[in-house]
Amino acid sequence: MNAPRKPVFDSWAKFLNPQSLRSNLIAASIFLAAYETLCTSAIDRIRNFFAYDFDENGLGIESEDYKKKVLSLDKIRLRASLLWLKEMSAISDADIILVDEIRRHRNKLAHELPRFLTDADAEININFLVDIYELVTKIDRWWIREVDIPTNSDFDGQNIADSDIKSGSMIFIQMMLKIATGEDSSVFWDEFQKQTSSFWN
């Protein structure tokens, strides 16, 4: 096959190969879900922290304090939240730069998904998934250590290691990665069936 025709062949092979198409669809779904989880960790906790009232869905209603101290930091809500977290020493400048890169890749993936499924030169950067997990871990552990633990008397006098601090978002991303990669993929399903079997019998 001559060189000019190879990219065309590779693109068709990428799209028509069932395993390749399935893998790319799964990778895209996981990436988009992981990104939304990162946004939730970065944005929602801060909004709720400054909220005086909550809506019917349990989300904090934006207070003037929140608008002044957080939203004023950047026109993009996610970046504004990250800048506030940096002010609190929860994350670094390098973390914010990394999230900017992840956000650009996410936007391309969300708006050009067919290209990522059919173009041999368009690949989902799965390395970002590890970065997202590490960012969510850093943000959630900061909230738990600096806010949740100090305000809960059950933890008074306890020395809790970082490795023992796990949030629902951290576990969610871990499970997605393990199920998608096939690592212990049946363990979660088997346990779910075992725990819920009593409801159906």
N, C-alpha and C. Protein backbone atom coordinates (compact mmCIF):
# COMPACT_ATOMS: atom_id res chain seq x y z
N MET A 1 0.85 -1.20 0.00
CA MET A 1 0.00 0.00 0.00
C MET A 1 0.89 1.24 0.00
N ASN A 2 0.59 2.19 -0.93
CA ASN A 2 1.44 3.38 -0.98
C ASN A 2 1.13 4.31 0.18
N ALA A 3 2.10 5.17 0.49
CA ALA A 3 2.01 6.03 1.67
C ALA A 3 0.79 6.94 1.69
N PRO A 4 0.42 7.58 0.57
CA PRO A 4 -0.74 8.49 0.62
C PRO A 4 -2.05 7.79 0.99
N ARG A 5 -2.16 6.49 0.67
CA ARG A 5 -3.42 5.79 0.93
C ARG A 5 -3.48 5.17 2.32
N LYS A 6 -2.32 5.06 2.99
CA LYS A 6 -2.30 4.39 4.29
C LYS A 6 -3.16 5.10 5.35
N PRO A 7 -3.10 6.44 5.47
CA PRO A 7 -3.95 7.10 6.47
C PRO A 7 -5.44 6.82 6.26
N VAL A 8 -5.85 6.75 5.00
CA VAL A 8 -7.26 6.47 4.70
C VAL A 8 -7.61 5.05 5.14
N PHE A 9 -6.72 4.11 4.83
CA PHE A 9 -6.94 2.72 5.23
C PHE A 9 -7.00 2.61 6.75
N ASP A 10 -6.06 3.26 7.44
CA ASP A 10 -6.01 3.19 8.91
C ASP A 10 -7.28 3.78 9.53
N SER A 11 -7.80 4.84 8.94
CA SER A 11 -9.00 5.47 9.47
C SER A 11 -10.22 4.56 9.31
N TRP A 12 -10.35 3.94 8.13
CA TRP A 12 -11.46 3.01 7.92
C TRP A 12 -11.34 1.80 8.85
N ALA A 13 -10.11 1.31 9.02
CA ALA A 13 -9.88 0.16 9.90
C ALA A 13 -10.24 0.50 11.34
N LYS A 14 -9.92 1.72 11.75
CA LYS A 14 -10.23 2.16 13.11
C LYS A 14 -11.74 2.17 13.34
N PHE A 15 -12.49 2.63 12.34
CA PHE A 15 -13.94 2.75 12.49
C PHE A 15 -14.67 1.42 12.32
N LEU A 16 -14.23 0.60 11.37
CA LEU A 16 -14.96 -0.62 11.03
C LEU A 16 -14.61 -1.81 11.91
N ASN A 17 -13.48 -1.73 12.61
CA ASN A 17 -13.10 -2.81 13.51
C ASN A 17 -13.97 -2.72 14.77
N PRO A 18 -14.84 -3.71 15.01
CA PRO A 18 -15.77 -3.63 16.16
C PRO A 18 -15.06 -3.42 17.49
N GLN A 19 -13.94 -4.10 17.68
CA GLN A 19 -13.23 -3.98 18.96
C GLN A 19 -12.66 -2.57 19.12
N SER A 20 -12.11 -2.02 18.03
CA SER A 20 -11.56 -0.67 18.08
C SER A 20 -12.66 0.35 18.34
N LEU A 21 -13.77 0.23 17.63
CA LEU A 21 -14.88 1.17 17.81
C LEU A 21 -15.42 1.09 19.23
N ARG A 22 -15.60 -0.12 19.73
CA ARG A 22 -16.12 -0.31 21.09
C ARG A 22 -15.16 0.30 22.11
N SER A 23 -13.88 0.05 21.94
CA SER A 23 -12.88 0.58 22.89
C SER A 23 -12.88 2.10 22.89
N ASN A 24 -12.99 2.70 21.71
CA ASN A 24 -12.97 4.16 21.63
C ASN A 24 -14.24 4.77 22.21
N LEU A 25 -15.38 4.11 22.01
CA LEU A 25 -16.62 4.61 22.59
C LEU A 25 -16.57 4.54 24.12
N ILE A 26 -16.03 3.45 24.64
CA ILE A 26 -15.90 3.30 26.09
C ILE A 26 -14.94 4.34 26.64
N ALA A 27 -13.79 4.51 25.96
CA ALA A 27 -12.80 5.49 26.42
C ALA A 27 -13.38 6.89 26.42
N ALA A 28 -14.14 7.23 25.37
CA ALA A 28 -14.75 8.56 25.29
C ALA A 28 -15.76 8.76 26.42
N SER A 29 -16.58 7.75 26.67
CA SER A 29 -17.59 7.84 27.74
C SER A 29 -16.94 8.02 29.10
N ILE A 30 -15.90 7.24 29.35
CA ILE A 30 -15.21 7.32 30.64
C ILE A 30 -14.53 8.67 30.79
N PHE A 31 -13.90 9.15 29.72
CA PHE A 31 -13.22 10.44 29.78
C PHE A 31 -14.21 11.55 30.11
N LEU A 32 -15.34 11.58 29.41
CA LEU A 32 -16.33 12.63 29.63
C LEU A 32 -16.92 12.55 31.03
N ALA A 33 -17.19 11.33 31.51
CA ALA A 33 -17.74 11.15 32.85
C ALA A 33 -16.72 11.56 33.91
N ALA A 34 -15.46 11.20 33.70
CA ALA A 34 -14.41 11.56 34.65
C ALA A 34 -14.22 13.07 34.70
N TYR A 35 -14.29 13.71 33.54
CA TYR A 35 -14.15 15.17 33.50
C TYR A 35 -15.28 15.85 34.27
N GLU A 36 -16.51 15.37 34.08
CA GLU A 36 -17.65 15.94 34.81
C GLU A 36 -17.50 15.73 36.31
N THR A 37 -16.91 14.60 36.69
CA THR A 37 -16.65 14.33 38.11
C THR A 37 -15.64 15.33 38.66
N LEU A 38 -14.61 15.63 37.87
CA LEU A 38 -13.63 16.64 38.26
C LEU A 38 -14.30 18.00 38.45
N CYS A 39 -15.16 18.37 37.51
CA CYS A 39 -15.86 19.66 37.61
C CYS A 39 -16.72 19.71 38.87
N THR A 40 -17.39 18.61 39.18
CA THR A 40 -18.23 18.55 40.38
C THR A 40 -17.38 18.75 41.63
N SER A 41 -16.24 18.07 41.69
CA SER A 41 -15.36 18.20 42.86
C SER A 41 -14.84 19.62 43.01
N ALA A 42 -14.51 20.24 41.88
CA ALA A 42 -13.91 21.57 41.92
C ALA A 42 -14.94 22.67 42.17
N ILE A 43 -16.14 22.51 41.62
CA ILE A 43 -17.13 23.59 41.64
C ILE A 43 -18.15 23.47 42.76
N ASP A 44 -18.80 22.31 42.87
CA ASP A 44 -19.97 22.18 43.75
C ASP A 44 -19.66 22.39 45.23
N ARG A 45 -18.53 21.82 45.69
CA ARG A 45 -18.21 21.94 47.11
C ARG A 45 -18.00 23.41 47.50
N ILE A 46 -17.38 24.16 46.61
CA ILE A 46 -17.13 25.57 46.92
C ILE A 46 -18.44 26.35 46.95
N ARG A 47 -19.29 26.12 45.94
CA ARG A 47 -20.58 26.82 45.89
C ARG A 47 -21.41 26.51 47.14
N ASN A 48 -21.43 25.24 47.53
CA ASN A 48 -22.19 24.85 48.72
C ASN A 48 -21.58 25.41 49.99
N PHE A 49 -20.25 25.53 50.01
CA PHE A 49 -19.55 26.06 51.17
C PHE A 49 -19.97 27.50 51.46
N PHE A 50 -20.19 28.27 50.39
CA PHE A 50 -20.56 29.68 50.55
C PHE A 50 -22.07 29.90 50.57
N ALA A 51 -22.84 28.82 50.40
CA ALA A 51 -24.30 28.96 50.27
C ALA A 51 -24.98 29.16 51.61
N TYR A 52 -26.04 29.96 51.59
CA TYR A 52 -26.90 30.13 52.76
C TYR A 52 -28.22 29.38 52.59
N ASP A 53 -28.58 29.14 51.32
CA ASP A 53 -29.80 28.40 51.01
C ASP A 53 -29.50 27.39 49.90
N PHE A 54 -30.38 26.38 49.79
CA PHE A 54 -30.20 25.33 48.80
C PHE A 54 -31.47 25.16 47.99
N ASP A 55 -31.31 24.74 46.72
CA ASP A 55 -32.48 24.54 45.87
C ASP A 55 -33.07 23.15 46.10
N GLU A 56 -34.10 22.80 45.32
CA GLU A 56 -34.80 21.53 45.51
C GLU A 56 -33.92 20.32 45.22
N ASN A 57 -32.82 20.53 44.50
CA ASN A 57 -31.89 19.44 44.19
C ASN A 57 -30.75 19.34 45.19
N GLY A 58 -30.77 20.19 46.20
CA GLY A 58 -29.73 20.15 47.22
C GLY A 58 -28.48 20.92 46.86
N LEU A 59 -28.52 21.66 45.74
CA LEU A 59 -27.36 22.46 45.34
C LEU A 59 -27.44 23.83 45.97
N GLY A 60 -26.27 24.33 46.38
CA GLY A 60 -26.24 25.63 47.02
C GLY A 60 -26.63 26.75 46.06
N ILE A 61 -27.46 27.66 46.54
CA ILE A 61 -27.82 28.84 45.75
C ILE A 61 -26.69 29.85 45.87
N GLU A 62 -26.25 30.38 44.73
CA GLU A 62 -25.09 31.27 44.72
C GLU A 62 -25.31 32.48 45.62
N SER A 63 -24.41 32.64 46.56
CA SER A 63 -24.48 33.79 47.47
C SER A 63 -23.62 34.93 46.93
N GLU A 64 -23.83 36.11 47.45
CA GLU A 64 -23.02 37.26 47.04
C GLU A 64 -21.56 37.03 47.43
N ASP A 65 -21.36 36.38 48.56
CA ASP A 65 -20.01 36.04 49.00
C ASP A 65 -19.31 35.15 47.98
N TYR A 66 -20.04 34.17 47.47
CA TYR A 66 -19.51 33.24 46.47
C TYR A 66 -19.16 33.98 45.18
N LYS A 67 -20.03 34.86 44.76
CA LYS A 67 -19.78 35.61 43.53
C LYS A 67 -18.56 36.52 43.69
N LYS A 68 -18.44 37.12 44.88
CA LYS A 68 -17.35 38.07 45.12
C LYS A 68 -16.00 37.37 45.30
N LYS A 69 -15.99 36.29 46.07
CA LYS A 69 -14.72 35.65 46.42
C LYS A 69 -14.28 34.56 45.45
N VAL A 70 -15.21 34.03 44.66
CA VAL A 70 -14.87 32.91 43.77
C VAL A 70 -15.10 33.27 42.31
N LEU A 71 -16.34 33.56 41.95
CA LEU A 71 -16.66 33.78 40.54
C LEU A 71 -15.95 34.98 39.94
N SER A 72 -15.57 35.93 40.77
CA SER A 72 -14.87 37.12 40.28
C SER A 72 -13.44 36.81 39.83
N LEU A 73 -12.94 35.64 40.19
CA LEU A 73 -11.55 35.30 39.89
C LEU A 73 -11.32 34.96 38.42
N ASP A 74 -12.37 34.52 37.73
CA ASP A 74 -12.23 34.18 36.30
C ASP A 74 -13.63 34.06 35.70
N LYS A 75 -13.75 34.37 34.42
CA LYS A 75 -15.07 34.30 33.77
C LYS A 75 -15.53 32.87 33.56
N ILE A 76 -14.58 31.92 33.55
CA ILE A 76 -14.93 30.50 33.44
C ILE A 76 -15.09 29.95 34.85
N ARG A 77 -16.25 29.41 35.17
CA ARG A 77 -16.55 28.97 36.53
C ARG A 77 -15.54 27.94 37.05
N LEU A 78 -15.15 27.00 36.19
CA LEU A 78 -14.19 25.98 36.61
C LEU A 78 -12.86 26.60 36.99
N ARG A 79 -12.36 27.52 36.15
CA ARG A 79 -11.07 28.16 36.45
C ARG A 79 -11.17 29.02 37.70
N ALA A 80 -12.29 29.70 37.86
CA ALA A 80 -12.48 30.52 39.06
C ALA A 80 -12.41 29.65 40.31
N SER A 81 -13.04 28.49 40.24
CA SER A 81 -13.03 27.57 41.38
C SER A 81 -11.63 27.05 41.65
N LEU A 82 -10.91 26.75 40.58
CA LEU A 82 -9.53 26.26 40.74
C LEU A 82 -8.63 27.34 41.33
N LEU A 83 -8.83 28.58 40.91
CA LEU A 83 -8.02 29.67 41.45
C LEU A 83 -8.30 29.86 42.94
N TRP A 84 -9.56 29.70 43.34
CA TRP A 84 -9.88 29.78 44.77
C TRP A 84 -9.20 28.65 45.53
N LEU A 85 -9.23 27.45 44.97
CA LEU A 85 -8.57 26.31 45.60
C LEU A 85 -7.07 26.53 45.71
N LYS A 86 -6.49 27.20 44.71
CA LYS A 86 -5.06 27.52 44.78
C LYS A 86 -4.79 28.51 45.90
N GLU A 87 -5.68 29.49 46.07
CA GLU A 87 -5.53 30.45 47.17
C GLU A 87 -5.57 29.74 48.52
N MET A 88 -6.31 28.64 48.59
CA MET A 88 -6.41 27.87 49.83
C MET A 88 -5.26 26.87 49.97
N SER A 89 -4.33 26.88 48.99
CA SER A 89 -3.18 25.96 48.96
C SER A 89 -3.60 24.50 48.77
N ALA A 90 -4.78 24.31 48.16
CA ALA A 90 -5.24 22.94 47.89
C ALA A 90 -4.61 22.38 46.62
N ILE A 91 -4.38 23.25 45.64
CA ILE A 91 -3.76 22.85 44.38
C ILE A 91 -2.71 23.88 43.99
N SER A 92 -2.00 23.61 42.90
CA SER A 92 -0.91 24.48 42.46
C SER A 92 -1.20 25.11 41.10
N ASP A 93 -0.34 26.03 40.69
CA ASP A 93 -0.44 26.61 39.35
C ASP A 93 -0.33 25.52 38.29
N ALA A 94 0.56 24.57 38.52
CA ALA A 94 0.74 23.47 37.56
C ALA A 94 -0.54 22.66 37.41
N ASP A 95 -1.27 22.49 38.50
CA ASP A 95 -2.54 21.76 38.44
C ASP A 95 -3.55 22.50 37.57
N ILE A 96 -3.59 23.82 37.69
CA ILE A 96 -4.53 24.61 36.90
C ILE A 96 -4.17 24.54 35.42
N ILE A 97 -2.89 24.60 35.10
CA ILE A 97 -2.45 24.47 33.71
C ILE A 97 -2.85 23.11 33.16
N LEU A 98 -2.70 22.08 33.98
CA LEU A 98 -3.07 20.73 33.56
C LEU A 98 -4.57 20.63 33.29
N VAL A 99 -5.39 21.23 34.16
CA VAL A 99 -6.84 21.19 33.95
C VAL A 99 -7.21 21.93 32.67
N ASP A 100 -6.50 23.02 32.37
CA ASP A 100 -6.75 23.74 31.11
C ASP A 100 -6.51 22.83 29.92
N GLU A 101 -5.44 22.04 29.97
CA GLU A 101 -5.14 21.10 28.89
C GLU A 101 -6.22 20.02 28.79
N ILE A 102 -6.62 19.51 29.94
CA ILE A 102 -7.67 18.48 29.97
C ILE A 102 -8.98 19.04 29.43
N ARG A 103 -9.31 20.27 29.80
CA ARG A 103 -10.56 20.90 29.35
C ARG A 103 -10.57 21.09 27.83
N ARG A 104 -9.43 21.51 27.28
CA ARG A 104 -9.36 21.67 25.82
C ARG A 104 -9.56 20.33 25.11
N HIS A 105 -8.94 19.28 25.66
CA HIS A 105 -9.08 17.95 25.06
C HIS A 105 -10.52 17.47 25.20
N ARG A 106 -11.13 17.73 26.34
CA ARG A 106 -12.53 17.34 26.56
C ARG A 106 -13.45 18.03 25.57
N ASN A 107 -13.22 19.33 25.34
CA ASN A 107 -14.07 20.07 24.41
C ASN A 107 -13.96 19.53 22.99
N LYS A 108 -12.74 19.19 22.58
CA LYS A 108 -12.55 18.59 21.26
C LYS A 108 -13.28 17.26 21.18
N LEU A 109 -13.14 16.45 22.21
CA LEU A 109 -13.76 15.13 22.22
C LEU A 109 -15.29 15.25 22.19
N ALA A 110 -15.84 16.16 22.98
CA ALA A 110 -17.29 16.30 23.05
C ALA A 110 -17.88 16.85 21.76
N HIS A 111 -17.16 17.76 21.11
CA HIS A 111 -17.70 18.42 19.92
C HIS A 111 -17.28 17.74 18.62
N GLU A 112 -16.27 16.88 18.68
CA GLU A 112 -15.79 16.22 17.47
C GLU A 112 -15.69 14.71 17.67
N LEU A 113 -16.64 14.14 18.41
CA LEU A 113 -16.58 12.71 18.71
C LEU A 113 -16.47 11.83 17.47
N PRO A 114 -17.25 12.08 16.39
CA PRO A 114 -17.10 11.24 15.20
C PRO A 114 -15.68 11.20 14.65
N ARG A 115 -14.98 12.32 14.76
CA ARG A 115 -13.59 12.35 14.29
C ARG A 115 -12.70 11.42 15.11
N PHE A 116 -12.93 11.38 16.42
CA PHE A 116 -12.13 10.50 17.28
C PHE A 116 -12.45 9.03 17.04
N LEU A 117 -13.61 8.77 16.46
CA LEU A 117 -14.00 7.38 16.17
C LEU A 117 -13.54 6.92 14.79
N THR A 118 -13.28 7.87 13.90
CA THR A 118 -13.00 7.50 12.51
C THR A 118 -11.65 7.94 11.98
N ASP A 119 -11.02 8.90 12.62
CA ASP A 119 -9.75 9.44 12.12
C ASP A 119 -8.59 8.77 12.86
N ALA A 120 -7.72 8.14 12.09
CA ALA A 120 -6.58 7.43 12.69
C ALA A 120 -5.64 8.38 13.43
N ASP A 121 -5.66 9.66 13.08
CA ASP A 121 -4.77 10.63 13.71
C ASP A 121 -5.38 11.29 14.94
N ALA A 122 -6.65 11.01 15.21
CA ALA A 122 -7.32 11.61 16.38
C ALA A 122 -7.46 10.55 17.47
N GLU A 123 -6.71 10.71 18.53
CA GLU A 123 -6.70 9.72 19.61
C GLU A 123 -7.13 10.34 20.93
N ILE A 124 -7.89 9.59 21.70
CA ILE A 124 -8.27 10.03 23.04
C ILE A 124 -7.07 9.87 23.96
N ASN A 125 -6.71 10.94 24.63
CA ASN A 125 -5.54 10.91 25.52
C ASN A 125 -5.95 10.28 26.86
N ILE A 126 -5.81 8.97 26.94
CA ILE A 126 -6.25 8.28 28.15
C ILE A 126 -5.32 8.56 29.33
N ASN A 127 -4.12 9.10 29.06
CA ASN A 127 -3.24 9.47 30.16
C ASN A 127 -3.87 10.55 31.03
N PHE A 128 -4.74 11.35 30.42
CA PHE A 128 -5.43 12.39 31.18
C PHE A 128 -6.34 11.80 32.25
N LEU A 129 -6.80 10.56 32.05
CA LEU A 129 -7.67 9.93 33.04
C LEU A 129 -6.96 9.78 34.38
N VAL A 130 -5.70 9.40 34.32
CA VAL A 130 -4.91 9.29 35.55
C VAL A 130 -4.75 10.67 36.19
N ASP A 131 -4.51 11.68 35.34
CA ASP A 131 -4.37 13.05 35.85
C ASP A 131 -5.66 13.51 36.52
N ILE A 132 -6.81 13.18 35.89
CA ILE A 132 -8.10 13.57 36.47
C ILE A 132 -8.29 12.91 37.83
N TYR A 133 -7.96 11.63 37.91
CA TYR A 133 -8.10 10.93 39.19
C TYR A 133 -7.22 11.58 40.26
N GLU A 134 -5.99 11.92 39.91
CA GLU A 134 -5.08 12.52 40.87
C GLU A 134 -5.56 13.91 41.30
N LEU A 135 -6.13 14.66 40.35
CA LEU A 135 -6.66 15.98 40.69
C LEU A 135 -7.87 15.88 41.61
N VAL A 136 -8.79 14.97 41.29
CA VAL A 136 -9.96 14.76 42.14
C VAL A 136 -9.52 14.32 43.53
N THR A 137 -8.54 13.44 43.58
CA THR A 137 -8.01 12.97 44.87
C THR A 137 -7.44 14.13 45.68
N LYS A 138 -6.66 14.98 45.03
CA LYS A 138 -6.06 16.12 45.72
C LYS A 138 -7.12 17.07 46.25
N ILE A 139 -8.13 17.38 45.42
CA ILE A 139 -9.18 18.32 45.82
C ILE A 139 -10.06 17.74 46.93
N ASP A 140 -10.51 16.51 46.73
CA ASP A 140 -11.42 15.90 47.71
C ASP A 140 -10.74 15.65 49.05
N ARG A 141 -9.49 15.21 49.01
CA ARG A 141 -8.77 14.99 50.27
C ARG A 141 -8.56 16.30 51.01
N TRP A 142 -8.35 17.38 50.27
CA TRP A 142 -8.19 18.68 50.94
C TRP A 142 -9.48 19.06 51.66
N TRP A 143 -10.62 18.92 50.97
CA TRP A 143 -11.90 19.25 51.60
C TRP A 143 -12.14 18.40 52.84
N ILE A 144 -11.89 17.11 52.71
CA ILE A 144 -12.15 16.21 53.83
C ILE A 144 -11.23 16.52 55.01
N ARG A 145 -9.94 16.76 54.72
CA ARG A 145 -8.99 17.01 55.80
C ARG A 145 -9.16 18.39 56.42
N GLU A 146 -9.43 19.40 55.60
CA GLU A 146 -9.47 20.77 56.09
C GLU A 146 -10.86 21.23 56.55
N VAL A 147 -11.91 20.58 56.06
CA VAL A 147 -13.27 21.02 56.40
C VAL A 147 -14.07 19.93 57.10
N ASP A 148 -14.19 18.78 56.48
CA ASP A 148 -15.07 17.73 57.02
C ASP A 148 -14.58 17.17 58.35
N ILE A 149 -13.31 16.81 58.42
CA ILE A 149 -12.78 16.21 59.64
C ILE A 149 -12.77 17.19 60.82
N PRO A 150 -12.29 18.43 60.64
CA PRO A 150 -12.28 19.37 61.77
C PRO A 150 -13.67 19.72 62.30
N THR A 151 -14.69 19.59 61.46
CA THR A 151 -16.04 19.95 61.91
C THR A 151 -16.86 18.74 62.36
N ASN A 152 -16.22 17.58 62.45
CA ASN A 152 -16.90 16.36 62.89
C ASN A 152 -16.21 15.84 64.15
N SER A 153 -16.89 15.93 65.27
CA SER A 153 -16.29 15.54 66.55
C SER A 153 -15.94 14.05 66.61
N ASP A 154 -16.50 13.24 65.74
CA ASP A 154 -16.18 11.81 65.73
C ASP A 154 -14.71 11.57 65.43
N PHE A 155 -14.06 12.56 64.78
CA PHE A 155 -12.66 12.39 64.40
C PHE A 155 -11.70 13.09 65.35
N ASP A 156 -12.21 13.64 66.44
CA ASP A 156 -11.35 14.35 67.39
C ASP A 156 -10.26 13.42 67.91
N GLY A 157 -9.02 13.92 67.88
CA GLY A 157 -7.89 13.17 68.41
C GLY A 157 -7.38 12.06 67.52
N GLN A 158 -7.97 11.89 66.34
CA GLN A 158 -7.54 10.83 65.44
C GLN A 158 -6.53 11.36 64.43
N ASN A 159 -5.52 10.55 64.16
CA ASN A 159 -4.52 10.89 63.14
C ASN A 159 -4.82 10.05 61.90
N ILE A 160 -5.41 10.66 60.90
CA ILE A 160 -5.88 9.93 59.72
C ILE A 160 -4.91 10.13 58.57
N ALA A 161 -4.40 9.04 58.02
CA ALA A 161 -3.46 9.10 56.90
C ALA A 161 -4.21 9.43 55.61
N ASP A 162 -3.50 10.07 54.68
CA ASP A 162 -4.11 10.41 53.39
C ASP A 162 -4.65 9.17 52.69
N SER A 163 -3.93 8.06 52.81
CA SER A 163 -4.35 6.84 52.13
C SER A 163 -5.69 6.31 52.64
N ASP A 164 -6.10 6.76 53.82
CA ASP A 164 -7.38 6.32 54.39
C ASP A 164 -8.53 7.26 54.03
N ILE A 165 -8.20 8.35 53.34
CA ILE A 165 -9.22 9.32 52.96
C ILE A 165 -9.66 9.05 51.53
N LYS A 166 -10.88 8.60 51.36
CA LYS A 166 -11.42 8.31 50.02
C LYS A 166 -12.81 8.92 49.90
N SER A 167 -13.03 9.62 48.81
CA SER A 167 -14.33 10.22 48.56
C SER A 167 -15.13 9.36 47.58
N GLY A 168 -16.41 9.63 47.47
CA GLY A 168 -17.24 8.90 46.52
C GLY A 168 -16.77 9.11 45.09
N SER A 169 -16.32 10.33 44.79
CA SER A 169 -15.83 10.62 43.43
C SER A 169 -14.57 9.84 43.10
N MET A 170 -13.68 9.71 44.08
CA MET A 170 -12.46 8.94 43.87
C MET A 170 -12.79 7.48 43.58
N ILE A 171 -13.70 6.92 44.37
CA ILE A 171 -14.09 5.52 44.19
C ILE A 171 -14.79 5.33 42.85
N PHE A 172 -15.63 6.29 42.47
CA PHE A 172 -16.35 6.21 41.20
C PHE A 172 -15.39 6.12 40.01
N ILE A 173 -14.38 7.00 39.99
CA ILE A 173 -13.42 6.98 38.88
C ILE A 173 -12.61 5.69 38.90
N GLN A 174 -12.20 5.25 40.08
CA GLN A 174 -11.47 3.99 40.19
C GLN A 174 -12.27 2.83 39.62
N MET A 175 -13.54 2.76 39.97
CA MET A 175 -14.39 1.67 39.50
C MET A 175 -14.56 1.72 37.99
N MET A 176 -14.76 2.91 37.44
CA MET A 176 -14.90 3.04 35.99
C MET A 176 -13.66 2.52 35.27
N LEU A 177 -12.50 2.91 35.77
CA LEU A 177 -11.25 2.50 35.13
C LEU A 177 -11.06 0.99 35.22
N LYS A 178 -11.36 0.41 36.37
CA LYS A 178 -11.17 -1.03 36.54
C LYS A 178 -12.15 -1.83 35.70
N ILE A 179 -13.40 -1.39 35.67
CA ILE A 179 -14.40 -2.11 34.88
C ILE A 179 -14.08 -2.01 33.39
N ALA A 180 -13.70 -0.83 32.94
CA ALA A 180 -13.43 -0.61 31.52
C ALA A 180 -12.20 -1.36 31.04
N THR A 181 -11.18 -1.45 31.90
CA THR A 181 -9.95 -2.12 31.49
C THR A 181 -10.01 -3.62 31.72
N GLY A 182 -11.09 -4.08 32.36
CA GLY A 182 -11.22 -5.51 32.60
C GLY A 182 -10.55 -5.97 33.88
N GLU A 183 -9.93 -5.04 34.60
CA GLU A 183 -9.25 -5.39 35.85
C GLU A 183 -10.30 -5.62 36.94
N ASP A 184 -10.42 -6.88 37.38
CA ASP A 184 -11.42 -7.23 38.39
C ASP A 184 -12.82 -6.78 37.95
N SER A 185 -13.07 -6.83 36.64
CA SER A 185 -14.31 -6.27 36.13
C SER A 185 -15.56 -6.94 36.68
N SER A 186 -15.46 -8.22 37.03
CA SER A 186 -16.65 -8.93 37.51
C SER A 186 -16.84 -8.81 39.02
N VAL A 187 -15.82 -8.34 39.72
CA VAL A 187 -15.89 -8.29 41.18
C VAL A 187 -17.03 -7.39 41.65
N PHE A 188 -17.11 -6.18 41.06
CA PHE A 188 -18.13 -5.22 41.48
C PHE A 188 -19.54 -5.75 41.17
N TRP A 189 -19.70 -6.36 40.00
CA TRP A 189 -21.01 -6.88 39.61
C TRP A 189 -21.41 -8.05 40.50
N ASP A 190 -20.47 -8.94 40.79
CA ASP A 190 -20.77 -10.08 41.66
C ASP A 190 -21.17 -9.61 43.05
N GLU A 191 -20.45 -8.62 43.57
CA GLU A 191 -20.75 -8.10 44.90
C GLU A 191 -22.11 -7.40 44.91
N PHE A 192 -22.39 -6.65 43.85
CA PHE A 192 -23.69 -5.97 43.75
C PHE A 192 -24.83 -6.98 43.76
N GLN A 193 -24.68 -8.06 42.99
CA GLN A 193 -25.71 -9.09 42.94
C GLN A 193 -25.90 -9.74 44.31
N LYS A 194 -24.78 -9.98 44.99
CA LYS A 194 -24.85 -10.62 46.30
C LYS A 194 -25.56 -9.73 47.32
N GLN A 195 -25.24 -8.43 47.28
CA GLN A 195 -25.82 -7.50 48.25
C GLN A 195 -27.30 -7.25 48.00
N THR A 196 -27.73 -7.35 46.74
CA THR A 196 -29.12 -7.02 46.41
C THR A 196 -30.01 -8.24 46.23
N SER A 197 -29.44 -9.43 46.30
CA SER A 197 -30.22 -10.64 46.05
C SER A 197 -31.39 -10.78 47.03
N SER A 198 -31.19 -10.31 48.26
CA SER A 198 -32.25 -10.44 49.27
C SER A 198 -33.49 -9.62 48.92
N PHE A 199 -33.30 -8.57 48.11
CA PHE A 199 -34.43 -7.73 47.76
C PHE A 199 -35.34 -8.41 46.74
N TRP A 200 -34.79 -9.37 46.01
CA TRP A 200 -35.55 -9.99 44.91
C TRP A 200 -36.05 -11.39 45.27
N ASN A 201 -35.64 -11.89 46.42
CA ASN A 201 -36.05 -13.24 46.82
C ASN A 201 -37.14 -13.19 47.89
